[in-house]
């Protein structure tokens, strides 16, 4: 069960890292049409009714490269590096949780 708890911790820390406040503020000031299209995300927390999650998926799909503003592209590239780390953390946490649960199940039958 310790492995499962470790997976849960990795997953929770990854979820809490889904924040892109600099990119959200930059989009709001330089490209309000895109900011509105994404649901006007605050970028400070994933809990703002999914708006930061839409920004997260927008960054992962590299839509920031379509912008004509070099500041948005540069900040988007920094956010993309962070978003990839978060994505891999989510996957790793989920895999460790499932492996821990499988190990606990096997131990309960042994």
Protein backbone atom coordinates (compact mmCIF):
# COMPACT_ATOMS: atom_id res chain seq x y z
CA UNK A 1 0.00 0.00 0.00
CA UNK A 2 2.98 2.31 0.47
CA UNK A 3 3.54 2.17 -3.29
CA UNK A 4 -0.06 3.21 -3.89
CA UNK A 5 0.28 6.11 -1.46
CA UNK A 6 3.47 7.20 -3.23
CA UNK A 7 1.60 7.13 -6.56
CA UNK A 8 -1.22 9.19 -5.05
CA UNK A 9 1.27 11.76 -3.76
CA UNK A 10 2.98 12.06 -7.15
CA UNK A 11 -0.41 12.40 -8.84
CA UNK A 12 -1.61 15.04 -6.35
CA UNK A 13 1.59 17.09 -6.63
CA UNK A 14 1.31 16.97 -10.42
CA UNK A 15 -2.29 18.18 -10.30
CA UNK A 16 -1.30 21.08 -8.07
CA UNK A 17 1.36 22.09 -10.60
CA UNK A 18 -1.23 22.77 -13.32
CA UNK A 19 -0.87 26.53 -13.18
CA UNK A 20 0.23 29.01 -15.81
CA UNK A 21 -0.39 32.48 -14.34
CA UNK A 22 2.23 34.31 -16.44
CA UNK A 23 0.86 32.94 -19.69
CA UNK A 24 -2.74 33.68 -18.69
CA UNK A 25 -1.91 37.29 -17.78
CA UNK A 26 0.07 37.72 -21.00
CA UNK A 27 -2.78 36.31 -23.08
CA UNK A 28 -5.26 38.58 -21.31
CA UNK A 29 -3.22 41.68 -22.06
CA UNK A 30 -1.80 40.89 -25.52
CA UNK A 31 -4.32 38.50 -27.11
CA UNK A 32 -7.74 38.88 -25.46
CA UNK A 33 -9.52 36.95 -28.23
CA UNK A 34 -7.53 33.79 -27.48
CA UNK A 35 -7.90 34.39 -23.75
CA UNK A 36 -11.69 34.57 -24.13
CA UNK A 37 -11.68 31.53 -26.42
CA UNK A 38 -9.94 29.54 -23.67
CA UNK A 39 -12.64 30.56 -21.18
CA UNK A 40 -10.81 33.48 -19.56
CA UNK A 41 -8.50 31.34 -17.41
CA UNK A 42 -6.88 32.86 -14.35
CA UNK A 43 -3.99 30.43 -14.69
CA UNK A 44 -3.46 30.30 -10.93
CA UNK A 45 -5.29 27.06 -10.19
CA UNK A 46 -6.79 24.07 -11.95
CA UNK A 47 -9.93 24.57 -9.85
CA UNK A 48 -11.32 27.58 -11.77
CA UNK A 49 -14.02 25.46 -13.40
CA UNK A 50 -11.65 23.86 -15.88
CA UNK A 51 -10.49 27.06 -17.53
CA UNK A 52 -6.87 26.49 -16.52
CA UNK A 53 -7.24 22.92 -17.77
CA UNK A 54 -8.22 24.32 -21.16
CA UNK A 55 -5.08 26.48 -21.03
CA UNK A 56 -3.11 23.35 -20.08
CA UNK A 57 -4.38 21.44 -23.11
CA UNK A 58 -3.86 24.51 -25.32
CA UNK A 59 -0.22 24.64 -24.22
CA UNK A 60 0.29 20.89 -24.70
CA UNK A 61 -1.08 21.11 -28.24
CA UNK A 62 1.37 23.96 -28.97
CA UNK A 63 -1.34 26.35 -30.16
CA UNK A 64 0.77 29.21 -28.78
CA UNK A 65 2.96 28.86 -31.88
CA UNK A 66 0.05 30.21 -33.96
CA UNK A 67 0.36 33.58 -32.20
CA UNK A 68 2.01 36.53 -33.93
CA UNK A 69 3.23 37.91 -30.60
CA UNK A 70 6.80 36.78 -29.77
CA UNK A 71 6.17 37.27 -26.03
CA UNK A 72 3.31 34.77 -26.11
CA UNK A 73 5.42 32.29 -28.08
CA UNK A 74 8.33 32.58 -25.63
CA UNK A 75 6.11 32.25 -22.57
CA UNK A 76 4.24 29.41 -24.27
CA UNK A 77 7.48 27.52 -24.79
CA UNK A 78 8.33 27.87 -21.10
CA UNK A 79 4.82 26.77 -20.18
CA UNK A 80 5.08 23.82 -22.58
CA UNK A 81 8.14 22.50 -20.75
CA UNK A 82 6.25 22.70 -17.46
CA UNK A 83 3.10 21.17 -18.97
CA UNK A 84 5.08 18.18 -20.26
CA UNK A 85 6.56 17.61 -16.80
CA UNK A 86 3.07 17.77 -15.31
CA UNK A 87 1.72 15.35 -17.91
CA UNK A 88 4.49 12.85 -17.22
CA UNK A 89 3.97 13.26 -13.48
CA UNK A 90 0.27 12.49 -13.87
CA UNK A 91 1.03 9.40 -15.94
CA UNK A 92 3.75 8.23 -13.55
CA UNK A 93 1.53 8.74 -10.51
CA UNK A 94 -1.30 6.81 -12.12
CA UNK A 95 0.98 3.94 -13.16
CA UNK A 96 2.48 3.70 -9.67
CA UNK A 97 -1.00 3.74 -8.10
CA UNK A 98 -2.19 0.91 -10.34
CA UNK A 99 1.00 -1.07 -9.74
CA UNK A 100 0.64 -0.59 -5.99
CA UNK A 101 -2.96 -1.73 -6.06
CA UNK A 102 -1.98 -4.78 -8.13
CA UNK A 103 0.81 -5.59 -5.66
CA UNK A 104 -1.61 -5.27 -2.73
CA UNK A 105 -4.11 -7.52 -4.49
CA UNK A 106 -1.48 -10.16 -5.18
CA UNK A 107 -0.26 -10.01 -1.56
CA UNK A 108 -3.80 -10.43 -0.25
CA UNK A 109 -4.18 -13.70 -2.15
CA UNK A 110 -0.75 -15.04 -1.21
